[in-house]
N, C-alpha and C. Protein backbone atom coordinates (compact mmCIF):
# COMPACT_ATOMS: atom_id res chain seq x y z
N MET A 1 99.73 76.96 126.93
CA MET A 1 99.29 78.32 126.67
C MET A 1 97.98 78.28 125.90
N THR A 2 96.98 78.98 126.38
CA THR A 2 95.69 79.04 125.72
C THR A 2 95.61 80.29 124.86
N MET A 3 95.19 80.11 123.63
CA MET A 3 95.06 81.25 122.74
C MET A 3 93.60 81.70 122.74
N ALA A 4 93.39 82.93 123.14
CA ALA A 4 92.02 83.46 123.18
C ALA A 4 91.58 83.85 121.77
N THR A 5 90.35 83.55 121.47
CA THR A 5 89.76 83.98 120.20
C THR A 5 88.55 84.84 120.51
N LEU A 6 88.08 85.51 119.51
CA LEU A 6 86.88 86.31 119.67
C LEU A 6 85.71 85.43 120.11
N TYR A 7 85.67 84.22 119.61
CA TYR A 7 84.65 83.24 119.99
C TYR A 7 84.58 83.10 121.51
N PHE A 8 85.72 82.87 122.14
CA PHE A 8 85.75 82.70 123.59
C PHE A 8 85.53 84.02 124.32
N GLU A 9 86.06 85.10 123.77
CA GLU A 9 85.87 86.42 124.38
C GLU A 9 84.37 86.77 124.45
N LEU A 10 83.64 86.39 123.44
CA LEU A 10 82.20 86.69 123.40
C LEU A 10 81.37 85.75 124.26
N GLY A 11 81.92 84.59 124.62
CA GLY A 11 81.17 83.68 125.48
C GLY A 11 80.97 82.29 124.93
N GLY A 12 81.69 81.93 123.86
CA GLY A 12 81.63 80.58 123.33
C GLY A 12 80.30 80.23 122.68
N LEU A 13 80.00 78.93 122.68
CA LEU A 13 78.81 78.43 121.98
C LEU A 13 77.50 79.06 122.47
N PRO A 14 77.29 79.23 123.78
CA PRO A 14 76.03 79.87 124.20
C PRO A 14 75.87 81.27 123.60
N ALA A 15 76.97 82.01 123.52
CA ALA A 15 76.90 83.36 122.94
C ALA A 15 76.64 83.31 121.44
N MET A 16 77.21 82.31 120.75
CA MET A 16 76.97 82.20 119.30
C MET A 16 75.50 81.88 119.04
N ARG A 17 74.92 81.01 119.87
CA ARG A 17 73.49 80.67 119.71
C ARG A 17 72.61 81.89 119.96
N THR A 18 72.90 82.60 121.03
CA THR A 18 72.11 83.80 121.36
C THR A 18 72.24 84.84 120.26
N THR A 19 73.45 85.05 119.79
CA THR A 19 73.69 86.03 118.73
C THR A 19 73.03 85.61 117.43
N ALA A 20 73.08 84.32 117.10
CA ALA A 20 72.44 83.83 115.87
C ALA A 20 70.93 84.07 115.92
N HIS A 21 70.31 83.81 117.05
CA HIS A 21 68.87 84.06 117.19
C HIS A 21 68.56 85.55 117.09
N ALA A 22 69.37 86.37 117.73
CA ALA A 22 69.15 87.83 117.66
C ALA A 22 69.35 88.33 116.23
N LEU A 23 70.37 87.82 115.55
CA LEU A 23 70.62 88.22 114.17
C LEU A 23 69.48 87.79 113.26
N TYR A 24 68.96 86.60 113.47
CA TYR A 24 67.80 86.15 112.71
C TYR A 24 66.64 87.12 112.90
N ASP A 25 66.37 87.51 114.15
CA ASP A 25 65.28 88.45 114.42
C ASP A 25 65.49 89.77 113.68
N HIS A 26 66.74 90.25 113.66
CA HIS A 26 67.03 91.50 112.95
C HIS A 26 66.84 91.34 111.44
N LEU A 27 67.23 90.19 110.91
CA LEU A 27 67.04 89.94 109.48
C LEU A 27 65.55 89.90 109.14
N ARG A 28 64.74 89.29 109.99
CA ARG A 28 63.29 89.20 109.74
C ARG A 28 62.61 90.56 109.84
N GLU A 29 63.22 91.48 110.60
CA GLU A 29 62.65 92.82 110.75
C GLU A 29 63.13 93.78 109.66
N ASP A 30 64.12 93.39 108.91
CA ASP A 30 64.70 94.23 107.86
C ASP A 30 63.95 93.97 106.55
N ALA A 31 63.41 95.01 105.98
CA ALA A 31 62.61 94.86 104.76
C ALA A 31 63.39 94.19 103.62
N GLN A 32 64.67 94.42 103.54
CA GLN A 32 65.47 93.85 102.46
C GLN A 32 65.68 92.35 102.64
N PHE A 33 65.74 91.88 103.89
CA PHE A 33 66.06 90.48 104.15
C PHE A 33 64.87 89.63 104.59
N ALA A 34 63.80 90.23 105.00
CA ALA A 34 62.69 89.50 105.64
C ALA A 34 62.17 88.34 104.80
N ASP A 35 61.86 88.58 103.53
CA ASP A 35 61.30 87.52 102.69
C ASP A 35 62.28 86.38 102.46
N ARG A 36 63.54 86.73 102.21
CA ARG A 36 64.55 85.70 101.97
C ARG A 36 64.82 84.89 103.24
N ALA A 37 64.85 85.56 104.38
CA ALA A 37 65.06 84.85 105.65
C ALA A 37 63.90 83.90 105.90
N ALA A 38 62.69 84.32 105.59
CA ALA A 38 61.51 83.46 105.78
C ALA A 38 61.57 82.25 104.86
N ARG A 39 62.06 82.44 103.62
CA ARG A 39 62.18 81.32 102.67
C ARG A 39 63.16 80.26 103.16
N ILE A 40 64.23 80.71 103.82
CA ILE A 40 65.21 79.76 104.33
C ILE A 40 64.63 79.02 105.54
N GLY A 41 63.87 79.73 106.37
CA GLY A 41 63.27 79.13 107.57
C GLY A 41 64.11 79.41 108.80
N LYS A 42 63.44 79.56 109.91
CA LYS A 42 64.12 79.97 111.14
C LYS A 42 65.19 78.98 111.59
N SER A 43 64.85 77.72 111.78
CA SER A 43 65.83 76.78 112.33
C SER A 43 67.02 76.61 111.38
N GLU A 44 66.75 76.57 110.09
CA GLU A 44 67.82 76.43 109.10
C GLU A 44 68.74 77.64 109.12
N LEU A 45 68.16 78.85 109.10
CA LEU A 45 68.97 80.06 109.05
C LEU A 45 69.71 80.28 110.37
N VAL A 46 69.07 80.05 111.49
CA VAL A 46 69.76 80.19 112.78
C VAL A 46 70.95 79.24 112.84
N GLY A 47 70.77 78.01 112.37
CA GLY A 47 71.89 77.06 112.33
C GLY A 47 73.02 77.54 111.46
N ARG A 48 72.69 78.08 110.29
CA ARG A 48 73.72 78.61 109.39
C ARG A 48 74.45 79.79 110.04
N LEU A 49 73.67 80.68 110.66
CA LEU A 49 74.28 81.84 111.31
C LEU A 49 75.18 81.43 112.46
N GLU A 50 74.74 80.46 113.25
CA GLU A 50 75.56 79.97 114.36
C GLU A 50 76.87 79.38 113.83
N ALA A 51 76.80 78.56 112.79
CA ALA A 51 78.00 77.97 112.21
C ALA A 51 78.93 79.06 111.64
N PHE A 52 78.35 80.05 110.99
CA PHE A 52 79.12 81.15 110.42
C PHE A 52 79.83 81.94 111.51
N LEU A 53 79.11 82.31 112.56
CA LEU A 53 79.70 83.08 113.65
C LEU A 53 80.78 82.27 114.36
N THR A 54 80.50 81.01 114.61
CA THR A 54 81.47 80.14 115.29
C THR A 54 82.76 80.05 114.49
N PHE A 55 82.65 79.80 113.21
CA PHE A 55 83.82 79.69 112.34
C PHE A 55 84.55 81.03 112.21
N THR A 56 83.81 82.07 111.92
CA THR A 56 84.40 83.38 111.68
C THR A 56 85.10 83.94 112.91
N PHE A 57 84.58 83.66 114.08
CA PHE A 57 85.15 84.20 115.31
C PHE A 57 86.19 83.28 115.95
N GLY A 58 86.55 82.20 115.28
CA GLY A 58 87.64 81.36 115.74
C GLY A 58 87.26 80.23 116.67
N GLY A 59 85.99 79.83 116.65
CA GLY A 59 85.56 78.75 117.52
C GLY A 59 85.63 77.38 116.88
N SER A 60 85.87 77.34 115.58
CA SER A 60 85.98 76.08 114.86
C SER A 60 86.95 76.27 113.70
N PRO A 61 87.80 75.28 113.44
CA PRO A 61 88.75 75.43 112.34
C PRO A 61 88.13 75.24 110.96
N TYR A 62 86.86 74.81 110.92
CA TYR A 62 86.19 74.63 109.64
C TYR A 62 84.73 75.05 109.76
N TYR A 63 84.16 75.41 108.64
CA TYR A 63 82.75 75.80 108.58
C TYR A 63 81.88 74.56 108.59
N GLU A 64 80.90 74.52 109.45
CA GLU A 64 80.10 73.31 109.63
C GLU A 64 78.83 73.25 108.78
N GLY A 65 78.62 74.23 107.91
CA GLY A 65 77.48 74.18 106.99
C GLY A 65 77.89 73.50 105.70
N GLN A 66 77.03 73.61 104.67
CA GLN A 66 77.37 73.03 103.35
C GLN A 66 78.61 73.73 102.81
N SER A 67 78.47 75.02 102.56
CA SER A 67 79.58 75.89 102.18
C SER A 67 79.09 77.30 102.39
N LEU A 68 80.00 78.21 102.67
CA LEU A 68 79.59 79.59 102.87
C LEU A 68 78.90 80.15 101.63
N ARG A 69 79.38 79.78 100.47
CA ARG A 69 78.79 80.30 99.23
C ARG A 69 77.36 79.77 99.05
N THR A 70 77.18 78.49 99.29
CA THR A 70 75.87 77.88 99.12
C THR A 70 74.90 78.35 100.20
N ASP A 71 75.35 78.37 101.44
CA ASP A 71 74.46 78.71 102.56
C ASP A 71 73.97 80.15 102.52
N TYR A 72 74.71 81.06 101.92
CA TYR A 72 74.32 82.47 101.94
C TYR A 72 73.95 83.03 100.57
N LYS A 73 73.89 82.17 99.55
CA LYS A 73 73.59 82.62 98.20
C LYS A 73 72.22 83.31 98.11
N ILE A 74 71.23 82.80 98.78
CA ILE A 74 69.89 83.40 98.75
C ILE A 74 69.85 84.70 99.53
N LEU A 75 70.51 84.74 100.66
CA LEU A 75 70.40 85.89 101.56
C LEU A 75 71.29 87.05 101.15
N LEU A 76 72.54 86.78 100.79
CA LEU A 76 73.52 87.83 100.51
C LEU A 76 73.99 87.71 99.07
N GLN A 77 73.55 88.65 98.23
CA GLN A 77 73.84 88.54 96.80
C GLN A 77 74.71 89.67 96.26
N SER A 78 75.01 90.68 97.08
CA SER A 78 75.79 91.81 96.60
C SER A 78 76.58 92.43 97.75
N ASP A 79 77.51 93.28 97.38
CA ASP A 79 78.28 94.00 98.40
C ASP A 79 77.38 94.87 99.27
N GLN A 80 76.36 95.48 98.66
CA GLN A 80 75.44 96.32 99.43
C GLN A 80 74.68 95.49 100.46
N GLU A 81 74.26 94.30 100.08
CA GLU A 81 73.56 93.43 101.03
C GLU A 81 74.51 92.93 102.12
N PHE A 82 75.75 92.65 101.74
CA PHE A 82 76.73 92.24 102.74
C PHE A 82 76.97 93.38 103.73
N ASP A 83 77.08 94.61 103.23
CA ASP A 83 77.24 95.78 104.11
C ASP A 83 76.07 95.89 105.07
N ARG A 84 74.88 95.73 104.54
CA ARG A 84 73.68 95.83 105.38
C ARG A 84 73.67 94.72 106.45
N PHE A 85 74.06 93.51 106.07
CA PHE A 85 74.18 92.40 106.99
C PHE A 85 75.18 92.76 108.10
N CYS A 86 76.33 93.30 107.72
CA CYS A 86 77.34 93.70 108.70
C CYS A 86 76.81 94.75 109.67
N ASN A 87 75.95 95.62 109.18
CA ASN A 87 75.37 96.65 110.04
C ASN A 87 74.43 96.08 111.10
N LEU A 88 73.94 94.87 110.89
CA LEU A 88 73.05 94.23 111.87
C LEU A 88 73.83 93.51 112.98
N ILE A 89 75.10 93.26 112.75
CA ILE A 89 75.92 92.49 113.69
C ILE A 89 76.05 93.17 115.06
N PRO A 90 76.37 94.46 115.15
CA PRO A 90 76.52 95.06 116.48
C PRO A 90 75.27 94.94 117.35
N ALA A 91 74.10 95.13 116.76
CA ALA A 91 72.86 95.00 117.54
C ALA A 91 72.66 93.56 118.00
N ALA A 92 72.99 92.60 117.15
CA ALA A 92 72.86 91.20 117.55
C ALA A 92 73.84 90.86 118.66
N LEU A 93 75.05 91.40 118.59
CA LEU A 93 76.05 91.14 119.63
C LEU A 93 75.72 91.85 120.94
N HIS A 94 74.89 92.86 120.85
CA HIS A 94 74.45 93.54 122.08
C HIS A 94 73.71 92.55 122.98
N SER A 95 73.07 91.55 122.39
CA SER A 95 72.31 90.56 123.15
C SER A 95 73.19 89.72 124.07
N VAL A 96 74.50 89.67 123.78
CA VAL A 96 75.43 88.94 124.65
C VAL A 96 76.35 89.91 125.40
N ARG A 97 75.95 91.16 125.39
CA ARG A 97 76.69 92.21 126.11
C ARG A 97 78.14 92.32 125.69
N ALA A 98 78.36 92.20 124.40
CA ALA A 98 79.71 92.32 123.86
C ALA A 98 80.20 93.76 124.01
N SER A 99 81.45 93.91 124.31
CA SER A 99 82.04 95.25 124.42
C SER A 99 82.08 95.90 123.04
N LEU A 100 82.26 97.20 123.02
CA LEU A 100 82.37 97.90 121.73
C LEU A 100 83.59 97.40 120.96
N ALA A 101 84.68 97.13 121.67
CA ALA A 101 85.88 96.62 121.00
C ALA A 101 85.60 95.24 120.38
N ALA A 102 84.90 94.38 121.09
CA ALA A 102 84.56 93.06 120.56
C ALA A 102 83.64 93.18 119.36
N ARG A 103 82.70 94.11 119.41
CA ARG A 103 81.81 94.32 118.26
C ARG A 103 82.60 94.77 117.04
N ASP A 104 83.56 95.69 117.25
CA ASP A 104 84.41 96.14 116.14
C ASP A 104 85.23 94.97 115.59
N ASP A 105 85.79 94.16 116.48
CA ASP A 105 86.56 92.99 116.05
C ASP A 105 85.67 92.02 115.26
N ALA A 106 84.43 91.88 115.68
CA ALA A 106 83.49 91.00 114.99
C ALA A 106 83.24 91.48 113.56
N ILE A 107 83.03 92.77 113.41
CA ILE A 107 82.80 93.33 112.06
C ILE A 107 84.03 93.10 111.19
N THR A 108 85.21 93.32 111.76
CA THR A 108 86.45 93.09 111.01
C THR A 108 86.55 91.64 110.57
N ALA A 109 86.25 90.71 111.46
CA ALA A 109 86.32 89.28 111.12
C ALA A 109 85.31 88.93 110.04
N ILE A 110 84.11 89.42 110.17
CA ILE A 110 83.06 89.12 109.18
C ILE A 110 83.42 89.75 107.83
N GLU A 111 83.98 90.94 107.87
CA GLU A 111 84.38 91.61 106.62
C GLU A 111 85.41 90.77 105.86
N GLN A 112 86.25 90.06 106.57
CA GLN A 112 87.26 89.22 105.92
C GLN A 112 86.63 88.04 105.17
N MET A 113 85.37 87.76 105.46
CA MET A 113 84.67 86.65 104.80
C MET A 113 83.88 87.10 103.57
N ARG A 114 83.86 88.39 103.30
CA ARG A 114 83.04 88.96 102.22
C ARG A 114 83.23 88.22 100.89
N ASN A 115 84.46 88.12 100.41
CA ASN A 115 84.68 87.53 99.08
C ASN A 115 84.29 86.07 99.02
N VAL A 116 84.50 85.35 100.11
CA VAL A 116 84.12 83.94 100.15
C VAL A 116 82.60 83.81 100.11
N VAL A 117 81.92 84.56 100.96
CA VAL A 117 80.45 84.48 101.03
C VAL A 117 79.82 84.91 99.71
N LEU A 118 80.34 85.96 99.11
CA LEU A 118 79.76 86.47 97.86
C LEU A 118 80.32 85.77 96.63
N ASP A 119 81.15 84.75 96.82
CA ASP A 119 81.73 83.96 95.72
C ASP A 119 82.48 84.84 94.75
N LYS A 120 83.32 85.72 95.29
CA LYS A 120 84.17 86.59 94.48
C LYS A 120 85.58 86.00 94.48
N PRO A 121 86.34 86.31 93.47
CA PRO A 121 87.73 85.82 93.46
C PRO A 121 88.48 86.35 94.69
N VAL A 122 89.25 85.48 95.31
CA VAL A 122 90.05 85.85 96.45
C VAL A 122 91.48 86.03 95.96
N ALA A 123 92.09 87.15 96.32
CA ALA A 123 93.46 87.43 95.90
C ALA A 123 94.40 86.36 96.45
N GLN A 124 95.27 85.87 95.59
CA GLN A 124 96.25 84.87 95.98
C GLN A 124 97.55 85.58 96.39
N PRO A 125 98.23 85.07 97.42
CA PRO A 125 99.50 85.69 97.81
C PRO A 125 100.53 85.58 96.67
N ALA A 126 101.35 86.60 96.58
CA ALA A 126 102.36 86.62 95.49
C ALA A 126 103.51 85.71 95.78
């Protein structure tokens, strides 16, 4: 039995690469993120974004960057910035012709990473 993940629904690795490049372009066009994205550099940031999307959407059981906290410390420093980042996701996913339902699922998955990315305490199960 094969378990489908959002990663495969969106198109696997080629879709993650396309989406990472599109997301990078959106970050560079956004006044709040442009300077920080430029400081990280295109190839570095696209690689981080691809690893983040792959992991978050269920294409890899582990994150392939240094750490989510380290990799996004410069770019995402507050809940407001994380919200703004999330708002760029649907447009980036449009580049791979993701359905509206898949885009909503993507936002939900990324939202679950908020506390980890922003280095906030994560609630422990009781």
